[in-house]
Amino acid sequence: MDIFSILKNVMAGSITDITLVIAVVVLLTILVNVLQQVLFKSPNTPPMVFHLLPVIGSTITYGIDPFKFFFDCQRKYGDVYTFILLGRKVTVYLGKHGNQFILNGRLKDVNAEEIYSVLTTPVFGKDVIYDVPNVKFMEQKKVKCLLASHPSIPNL
């Protein structure tokens, strides 16, 4: 039975053929994803954490125990690696050099607005902290530092 006869039967409404086509598509998607990870590794990017499901990626194992996931991946891939979290590539940089990279990173390398605005906007509201352009955020940090260093103002 070739793919065209299966598709013809699907159009006719055969449930078993529909199930078969869905299963074949899912299996082919998983196969292509696995082959892409194994055969097309880029030497210029961090290693990718192996995963079977293309969009899901490592979401389930990360969601169950994030700390265990990070440390297991660190042992296997080193301090820098990338994993798929709900279809998005997330690159992790751990260790002493990772802290320096994140805390002293340039805006083109590290964009906290993209990640934290989703978390901070519901708590603090619009136009505060990470829900603002980086220039305004830096102004807010300067004001906080100035206020914190003034002797007549209590600790913030």
N, C-alpha and C. Protein backbone atom coordinates (compact mmCIF):
# COMPACT_ATOMS: atom_id res chain seq x y z
N MET A 1 0.85 -1.17 0.00
CA MET A 1 0.00 0.00 0.00
C MET A 1 0.91 1.24 0.00
N ASP A 2 0.78 2.09 -1.01
CA ASP A 2 1.62 3.29 -1.08
C ASP A 2 0.93 4.48 -0.40
N ILE A 3 1.66 5.56 -0.26
CA ILE A 3 1.18 6.73 0.47
C ILE A 3 -0.04 7.36 -0.21
N PHE A 4 -0.09 7.30 -1.53
CA PHE A 4 -1.21 7.91 -2.24
C PHE A 4 -2.51 7.15 -2.01
N SER A 5 -2.43 5.82 -1.97
CA SER A 5 -3.64 5.05 -1.69
C SER A 5 -4.09 5.25 -0.24
N ILE A 6 -3.11 5.43 0.67
CA ILE A 6 -3.47 5.71 2.07
C ILE A 6 -4.16 7.06 2.15
N LEU A 7 -3.59 8.06 1.48
CA LEU A 7 -4.21 9.39 1.49
C LEU A 7 -5.60 9.36 0.85
N LYS A 8 -5.76 8.57 -0.20
CA LYS A 8 -7.07 8.44 -0.85
C LYS A 8 -8.08 7.83 0.12
N ASN A 9 -7.65 6.81 0.88
CA ASN A 9 -8.53 6.19 1.88
C ASN A 9 -8.83 7.15 3.03
N VAL A 10 -7.84 7.98 3.38
CA VAL A 10 -8.06 8.96 4.44
C VAL A 10 -9.14 9.93 4.01
N MET A 11 -9.06 10.36 2.77
CA MET A 11 -10.09 11.27 2.27
C MET A 11 -11.46 10.60 2.26
N ALA A 12 -11.46 9.29 2.09
CA ALA A 12 -12.71 8.55 2.12
C ALA A 12 -13.22 8.39 3.55
N GLY A 13 -12.36 8.61 4.55
CA GLY A 13 -12.81 8.62 5.94
C GLY A 13 -12.50 7.38 6.73
N SER A 14 -11.59 6.56 6.31
CA SER A 14 -11.24 5.37 7.05
C SER A 14 -10.42 5.75 8.28
N ILE A 15 -10.94 5.45 9.48
CA ILE A 15 -10.31 5.84 10.74
C ILE A 15 -8.95 5.16 10.92
N THR A 16 -8.85 3.90 10.58
CA THR A 16 -7.58 3.20 10.78
C THR A 16 -6.50 3.79 9.88
N ASP A 17 -6.87 4.21 8.69
CA ASP A 17 -5.89 4.83 7.80
C ASP A 17 -5.49 6.22 8.32
N ILE A 18 -6.43 6.96 8.88
CA ILE A 18 -6.12 8.27 9.46
C ILE A 18 -5.13 8.09 10.60
N THR A 19 -5.38 7.11 11.44
CA THR A 19 -4.48 6.83 12.56
C THR A 19 -3.10 6.44 12.05
N LEU A 20 -3.08 5.64 11.00
CA LEU A 20 -1.82 5.20 10.41
C LEU A 20 -1.04 6.40 9.86
N VAL A 21 -1.70 7.30 9.17
CA VAL A 21 -1.04 8.47 8.60
C VAL A 21 -0.50 9.36 9.72
N ILE A 22 -1.28 9.57 10.75
CA ILE A 22 -0.82 10.39 11.89
C ILE A 22 0.40 9.74 12.54
N ALA A 23 0.36 8.43 12.74
CA ALA A 23 1.49 7.73 13.35
C ALA A 23 2.74 7.83 12.48
N VAL A 24 2.58 7.70 11.17
CA VAL A 24 3.72 7.80 10.26
C VAL A 24 4.31 9.21 10.29
N VAL A 25 3.45 10.23 10.29
CA VAL A 25 3.93 11.62 10.33
C VAL A 25 4.68 11.88 11.63
N VAL A 26 4.14 11.42 12.75
CA VAL A 26 4.80 11.62 14.04
C VAL A 26 6.15 10.90 14.07
N LEU A 27 6.20 9.67 13.63
CA LEU A 27 7.45 8.91 13.62
C LEU A 27 8.48 9.53 12.68
N LEU A 28 8.05 10.00 11.52
CA LEU A 28 8.98 10.66 10.60
C LEU A 28 9.51 11.96 11.20
N THR A 29 8.66 12.70 11.89
CA THR A 29 9.09 13.93 12.54
C THR A 29 10.14 13.65 13.60
N ILE A 30 9.90 12.62 14.41
CA ILE A 30 10.87 12.24 15.44
C ILE A 30 12.18 11.77 14.79
N LEU A 31 12.08 10.97 13.75
CA LEU A 31 13.27 10.48 13.05
C LEU A 31 14.10 11.63 12.47
N VAL A 32 13.44 12.56 11.81
CA VAL A 32 14.15 13.71 11.24
C VAL A 32 14.81 14.53 12.35
N ASN A 33 14.11 14.73 13.46
CA ASN A 33 14.66 15.48 14.59
C ASN A 33 15.92 14.80 15.14
N VAL A 34 15.86 13.50 15.34
CA VAL A 34 17.01 12.75 15.87
C VAL A 34 18.18 12.79 14.89
N LEU A 35 17.91 12.57 13.61
CA LEU A 35 18.98 12.61 12.61
C LEU A 35 19.61 14.00 12.53
N GLN A 36 18.79 15.02 12.64
CA GLN A 36 19.30 16.39 12.60
C GLN A 36 20.26 16.65 13.77
N GLN A 37 19.93 16.14 14.94
CA GLN A 37 20.79 16.33 16.12
C GLN A 37 22.08 15.54 16.01
N VAL A 38 22.00 14.34 15.47
CA VAL A 38 23.16 13.45 15.42
C VAL A 38 24.09 13.81 14.25
N LEU A 39 23.53 14.10 13.09
CA LEU A 39 24.35 14.27 11.89
C LEU A 39 24.79 15.71 11.63
N PHE A 40 24.01 16.69 12.08
CA PHE A 40 24.31 18.08 11.73
C PHE A 40 24.67 18.91 12.94
N LYS A 41 25.71 18.50 13.66
CA LYS A 41 26.20 19.27 14.80
C LYS A 41 27.07 20.40 14.30
N SER A 42 26.80 21.61 14.79
CA SER A 42 27.59 22.76 14.39
C SER A 42 28.77 22.94 15.35
N PRO A 43 29.97 23.10 14.83
CA PRO A 43 31.13 23.30 15.71
C PRO A 43 31.16 24.69 16.34
N ASN A 44 30.33 25.61 15.84
CA ASN A 44 30.33 26.99 16.32
C ASN A 44 29.25 27.28 17.35
N THR A 45 28.46 26.29 17.70
CA THR A 45 27.39 26.50 18.68
C THR A 45 27.58 25.54 19.85
N PRO A 46 27.00 25.89 21.00
CA PRO A 46 27.10 24.97 22.15
C PRO A 46 26.40 23.65 21.84
N PRO A 47 26.80 22.58 22.52
CA PRO A 47 26.16 21.28 22.27
C PRO A 47 24.67 21.33 22.63
N MET A 48 23.88 20.61 21.85
CA MET A 48 22.44 20.55 22.06
C MET A 48 22.12 19.33 22.92
N VAL A 49 21.31 19.54 23.95
CA VAL A 49 20.86 18.42 24.79
C VAL A 49 19.96 17.54 23.93
N PHE A 50 20.27 16.25 23.90
CA PHE A 50 19.51 15.33 23.06
C PHE A 50 18.06 15.24 23.51
N HIS A 51 17.15 15.26 22.54
CA HIS A 51 15.71 15.14 22.81
C HIS A 51 15.04 14.44 21.64
N LEU A 52 13.94 13.76 21.92
CA LEU A 52 13.22 13.05 20.86
C LEU A 52 12.17 13.92 20.18
N LEU A 53 11.36 14.60 20.98
CA LEU A 53 10.24 15.35 20.43
C LEU A 53 10.67 16.76 20.05
N PRO A 54 10.47 17.17 18.79
CA PRO A 54 11.01 18.42 18.29
C PRO A 54 10.56 19.68 19.05
N VAL A 55 9.32 19.89 19.27
CA VAL A 55 8.86 21.12 19.92
C VAL A 55 8.92 21.00 21.44
N ILE A 56 8.61 19.84 21.96
CA ILE A 56 8.63 19.62 23.41
C ILE A 56 10.06 19.69 23.92
N GLY A 57 11.00 19.09 23.19
CA GLY A 57 12.40 19.13 23.58
C GLY A 57 12.64 18.55 24.96
N SER A 58 13.31 19.32 25.80
CA SER A 58 13.64 18.89 27.16
C SER A 58 12.68 19.46 28.19
N THR A 59 11.54 19.95 27.75
CA THR A 59 10.60 20.62 28.64
C THR A 59 10.16 19.75 29.81
N ILE A 60 9.89 18.50 29.56
CA ILE A 60 9.37 17.62 30.62
C ILE A 60 10.44 17.34 31.66
N THR A 61 11.64 16.96 31.23
CA THR A 61 12.69 16.66 32.21
C THR A 61 13.12 17.93 32.94
N TYR A 62 13.13 19.06 32.25
CA TYR A 62 13.45 20.33 32.89
C TYR A 62 12.37 20.69 33.91
N GLY A 63 11.12 20.49 33.54
CA GLY A 63 10.01 20.86 34.41
C GLY A 63 9.91 20.01 35.67
N ILE A 64 10.31 18.76 35.61
CA ILE A 64 10.23 17.88 36.77
C ILE A 64 11.21 18.31 37.85
N ASP A 65 12.47 18.55 37.47
CA ASP A 65 13.48 18.96 38.45
C ASP A 65 14.55 19.80 37.73
N PRO A 66 14.35 21.12 37.67
CA PRO A 66 15.28 21.97 36.92
C PRO A 66 16.74 21.88 37.40
N PHE A 67 16.97 21.85 38.72
CA PHE A 67 18.34 21.80 39.22
C PHE A 67 19.03 20.50 38.80
N LYS A 68 18.33 19.38 38.95
CA LYS A 68 18.90 18.10 38.52
C LYS A 68 19.18 18.12 37.02
N PHE A 69 18.25 18.69 36.25
CA PHE A 69 18.44 18.78 34.80
C PHE A 69 19.70 19.59 34.47
N PHE A 70 19.86 20.77 35.11
CA PHE A 70 21.02 21.61 34.84
C PHE A 70 22.33 20.90 35.20
N PHE A 71 22.37 20.28 36.36
CA PHE A 71 23.61 19.64 36.79
C PHE A 71 23.92 18.38 36.00
N ASP A 72 22.89 17.60 35.65
CA ASP A 72 23.11 16.43 34.79
C ASP A 72 23.66 16.85 33.43
N CYS A 73 23.08 17.89 32.86
CA CYS A 73 23.55 18.37 31.56
C CYS A 73 24.95 18.96 31.67
N GLN A 74 25.24 19.62 32.80
CA GLN A 74 26.57 20.18 33.00
C GLN A 74 27.62 19.07 33.02
N ARG A 75 27.31 17.96 33.71
CA ARG A 75 28.24 16.83 33.75
C ARG A 75 28.44 16.23 32.34
N LYS A 76 27.36 16.18 31.58
CA LYS A 76 27.43 15.53 30.26
C LYS A 76 27.98 16.45 29.17
N TYR A 77 27.58 17.74 29.16
CA TYR A 77 27.92 18.64 28.05
C TYR A 77 28.91 19.74 28.42
N GLY A 78 29.17 19.95 29.70
CA GLY A 78 30.06 21.02 30.12
C GLY A 78 29.27 22.23 30.61
N ASP A 79 29.97 23.35 30.80
CA ASP A 79 29.34 24.54 31.36
C ASP A 79 28.42 25.27 30.39
N VAL A 80 28.59 25.05 29.10
CA VAL A 80 27.75 25.74 28.10
C VAL A 80 27.04 24.70 27.26
N TYR A 81 25.72 24.80 27.20
CA TYR A 81 24.93 23.90 26.37
C TYR A 81 23.59 24.55 26.06
N THR A 82 22.88 23.99 25.10
CA THR A 82 21.59 24.52 24.67
C THR A 82 20.57 23.40 24.78
N PHE A 83 19.36 23.76 25.20
CA PHE A 83 18.28 22.79 25.21
C PHE A 83 17.01 23.44 24.66
N ILE A 84 16.07 22.61 24.24
CA ILE A 84 14.82 23.09 23.68
C ILE A 84 13.77 23.12 24.79
N LEU A 85 13.17 24.29 24.98
CA LEU A 85 12.12 24.48 25.98
C LEU A 85 10.90 25.04 25.26
N LEU A 86 9.92 24.19 25.04
CA LEU A 86 8.70 24.56 24.34
C LEU A 86 8.98 25.26 23.00
N GLY A 87 9.86 24.65 22.22
CA GLY A 87 10.15 25.15 20.89
C GLY A 87 11.20 26.24 20.81
N ARG A 88 11.67 26.74 21.94
CA ARG A 88 12.68 27.80 21.94
C ARG A 88 14.02 27.23 22.39
N LYS A 89 15.08 27.68 21.74
CA LYS A 89 16.41 27.28 22.15
C LYS A 89 16.82 28.12 23.36
N VAL A 90 17.22 27.44 24.43
CA VAL A 90 17.69 28.11 25.64
C VAL A 90 19.14 27.69 25.85
N THR A 91 20.04 28.66 25.86
CA THR A 91 21.44 28.36 26.06
C THR A 91 21.80 28.64 27.52
N VAL A 92 22.45 27.70 28.15
CA VAL A 92 22.83 27.78 29.55
C VAL A 92 24.34 27.96 29.63
N TYR A 93 24.77 28.86 30.51
CA TYR A 93 26.20 29.10 30.71
C TYR A 93 26.43 29.07 32.22
N LEU A 94 26.99 27.98 32.71
CA LEU A 94 27.17 27.78 34.15
C LEU A 94 28.62 28.03 34.55
N GLY A 95 28.86 27.99 35.85
CA GLY A 95 30.21 28.13 36.36
C GLY A 95 30.60 29.59 36.56
N LYS A 96 31.84 29.79 36.98
CA LYS A 96 32.36 31.13 37.28
C LYS A 96 32.33 32.03 36.05
N HIS A 97 32.73 31.50 34.91
CA HIS A 97 32.76 32.30 33.69
C HIS A 97 31.33 32.60 33.21
N GLY A 98 30.42 31.67 33.46
CA GLY A 98 29.03 31.91 33.10
C GLY A 98 28.42 33.06 33.89
N ASN A 99 28.74 33.11 35.19
CA ASN A 99 28.25 34.22 36.01
C ASN A 99 28.76 35.55 35.48
N GLN A 100 30.04 35.61 35.14
CA GLN A 100 30.62 36.85 34.62
C GLN A 100 29.97 37.24 33.29
N PHE A 101 29.73 36.25 32.45
CA PHE A 101 29.11 36.51 31.14
C PHE A 101 27.71 37.09 31.32
N ILE A 102 26.93 36.48 32.19
CA ILE A 102 25.55 36.92 32.39
C ILE A 102 25.50 38.27 33.11
N LEU A 103 26.24 38.41 34.19
CA LEU A 103 26.16 39.63 34.99
C LEU A 103 26.81 40.83 34.31
N ASN A 104 27.83 40.59 33.50
CA ASN A 104 28.53 41.69 32.83
C ASN A 104 28.38 41.64 31.32
N GLY A 105 27.38 40.91 30.86
CA GLY A 105 27.20 40.74 29.42
C GLY A 105 26.70 41.98 28.72
N ARG A 106 27.03 42.07 27.44
CA ARG A 106 26.53 43.16 26.62
C ARG A 106 25.10 42.86 26.20
N LEU A 107 24.34 43.90 25.93
CA LEU A 107 22.93 43.74 25.59
C LEU A 107 22.73 42.85 24.37
N LYS A 108 23.67 42.92 23.41
CA LYS A 108 23.50 42.09 22.21
C LYS A 108 23.70 40.60 22.52
N ASP A 109 24.41 40.30 23.62
CA ASP A 109 24.65 38.90 23.99
C ASP A 109 23.60 38.38 24.98
N VAL A 110 23.17 39.25 25.89
CA VAL A 110 22.28 38.84 26.98
C VAL A 110 21.10 39.80 27.01
N ASN A 111 19.90 39.29 26.81
CA ASN A 111 18.72 40.14 26.80
C ASN A 111 17.76 39.67 27.89
N ALA A 112 17.85 40.29 29.05
CA ALA A 112 17.00 39.90 30.18
C ALA A 112 15.56 40.33 29.97
N GLU A 113 15.33 41.40 29.21
CA GLU A 113 13.97 41.88 28.98
C GLU A 113 13.10 40.77 28.39
N GLU A 114 13.67 40.07 27.43
CA GLU A 114 12.92 39.04 26.72
C GLU A 114 12.43 37.94 27.66
N ILE A 115 13.23 37.60 28.65
CA ILE A 115 12.88 36.51 29.54
C ILE A 115 12.06 36.99 30.74
N TYR A 116 12.56 38.04 31.40
CA TYR A 116 11.97 38.45 32.67
C TYR A 116 10.70 39.28 32.54
N SER A 117 10.47 39.93 31.40
CA SER A 117 9.27 40.77 31.29
C SER A 117 8.00 39.94 31.48
N VAL A 118 8.03 38.71 31.04
CA VAL A 118 6.87 37.83 31.19
C VAL A 118 6.59 37.56 32.67
N LEU A 119 7.65 37.49 33.47
CA LEU A 119 7.50 37.19 34.90
C LEU A 119 7.24 38.44 35.74
N THR A 120 7.88 39.55 35.39
CA THR A 120 7.80 40.73 36.26
C THR A 120 6.62 41.64 35.96
N THR A 121 6.13 41.67 34.74
CA THR A 121 5.02 42.57 34.39
C THR A 121 3.77 42.27 35.20
N PRO A 122 3.35 41.01 35.38
CA PRO A 122 2.16 40.77 36.20
C PRO A 122 2.35 41.19 37.66
N VAL A 123 3.58 41.16 38.15
CA VAL A 123 3.84 41.50 39.55
C VAL A 123 3.99 43.00 39.75
N PHE A 124 4.83 43.65 38.94
CA PHE A 124 5.15 45.06 39.14
C PHE A 124 4.37 46.01 38.24
N GLY A 125 3.75 45.50 37.18
CA GLY A 125 3.00 46.36 36.27
C GLY A 125 3.81 46.74 35.05
N LYS A 126 3.17 47.51 34.17
CA LYS A 126 3.80 47.94 32.93
C LYS A 126 4.83 49.04 33.21
N ASP A 127 5.81 49.14 32.34
CA ASP A 127 6.83 50.20 32.35
C ASP A 127 7.68 50.23 33.61
N VAL A 128 7.86 49.08 34.25
CA VAL A 128 8.72 49.00 35.43
C VAL A 128 9.64 47.79 35.25
N ILE A 129 10.82 47.89 35.75
CA ILE A 129 11.84 46.85 35.76
C ILE A 129 12.10 46.34 34.34
N TYR A 130 11.81 45.08 34.03
CA TYR A 130 12.18 44.52 32.74
C TYR A 130 11.13 44.74 31.65
N ASP A 131 10.04 45.43 31.95
CA ASP A 131 9.03 45.70 30.94
C ASP A 131 9.29 47.03 30.24
N VAL A 132 10.51 47.50 30.30
CA VAL A 132 10.89 48.77 29.68
C VAL A 132 12.09 48.52 28.77
N PRO A 133 12.33 49.42 27.84
CA PRO A 133 13.55 49.30 27.05
C PRO A 133 14.78 49.37 27.96
N ASN A 134 15.87 48.81 27.51
CA ASN A 134 17.07 48.72 28.34
C ASN A 134 17.56 50.08 28.82
N VAL A 135 17.43 51.12 28.00
CA VAL A 135 17.89 52.46 28.38
C VAL A 135 17.13 52.93 29.63
N LYS A 136 15.82 52.75 29.64
CA LYS A 136 15.02 53.17 30.79
C LYS A 136 15.33 52.31 32.01
N PHE A 137 15.56 51.02 31.79
CA PHE A 137 15.90 50.13 32.89
C PHE A 137 17.21 50.57 33.55
N MET A 138 18.18 50.94 32.75
CA MET A 138 19.46 51.41 33.30
C MET A 138 19.26 52.69 34.11
N GLU A 139 18.35 53.58 33.66
CA GLU A 139 18.03 54.79 34.43
C GLU A 139 17.43 54.40 35.78
N GLN A 140 16.52 53.43 35.78
CA GLN A 140 15.90 52.98 37.03
C GLN A 140 16.95 52.41 37.98
N LYS A 141 17.91 51.65 37.44
CA LYS A 141 18.98 51.10 38.29
C LYS A 141 19.84 52.21 38.88
N LYS A 142 20.15 53.25 38.07
CA LYS A 142 20.96 54.36 38.57
C LYS A 142 20.24 55.09 39.69
N VAL A 143 18.94 55.34 39.53
CA VAL A 143 18.17 56.03 40.56
C VAL A 143 18.17 55.21 41.84
N LYS A 144 17.97 53.90 41.72
CA LYS A 144 17.97 53.04 42.91
C LYS A 144 19.32 53.09 43.61
N CYS A 145 20.41 53.05 42.82
CA CYS A 145 21.76 53.10 43.42
C CYS A 145 22.01 54.45 44.09
N LEU A 146 21.56 55.53 43.46
CA LEU A 146 21.73 56.85 44.07
C LEU A 146 20.96 56.96 45.38
N LEU A 147 19.73 56.46 45.36
CA LEU A 147 18.90 56.51 46.57
C LEU A 147 19.48 55.62 47.66
N ALA A 148 19.97 54.46 47.27
CA ALA A 148 20.52 53.53 48.26
C ALA A 148 21.80 54.06 48.89
N SER A 149 22.55 54.89 48.16
CA SER A 149 23.80 55.40 48.71
C SER A 149 23.62 56.66 49.54
N HIS A 150 22.44 57.24 49.50
CA HIS A 150 22.20 58.47 50.27
C HIS A 150 22.02 58.11 51.75
N PRO A 151 22.73 58.77 52.68
CA PRO A 151 22.71 58.39 54.09
C PRO A 151 21.36 58.62 54.78
N SER A 152 20.55 59.55 54.30
CA SER A 152 19.29 59.83 55.00
C SER A 152 18.14 58.95 54.55
N ILE A 153 18.36 58.13 53.53
CA ILE A 153 17.30 57.24 53.02
C ILE A 153 17.58 55.82 53.53
N PRO A 154 16.56 55.18 54.13
CA PRO A 154 16.77 53.81 54.62
C PRO A 154 17.05 52.85 53.46
N ASN A 155 17.60 51.69 53.79
CA ASN A 155 17.95 50.68 52.78
C ASN A 155 16.74 50.32 51.94
N LEU A 156 16.98 50.17 50.63
CA LEU A 156 15.91 49.76 49.71
C LEU A 156 15.97 48.28 49.47
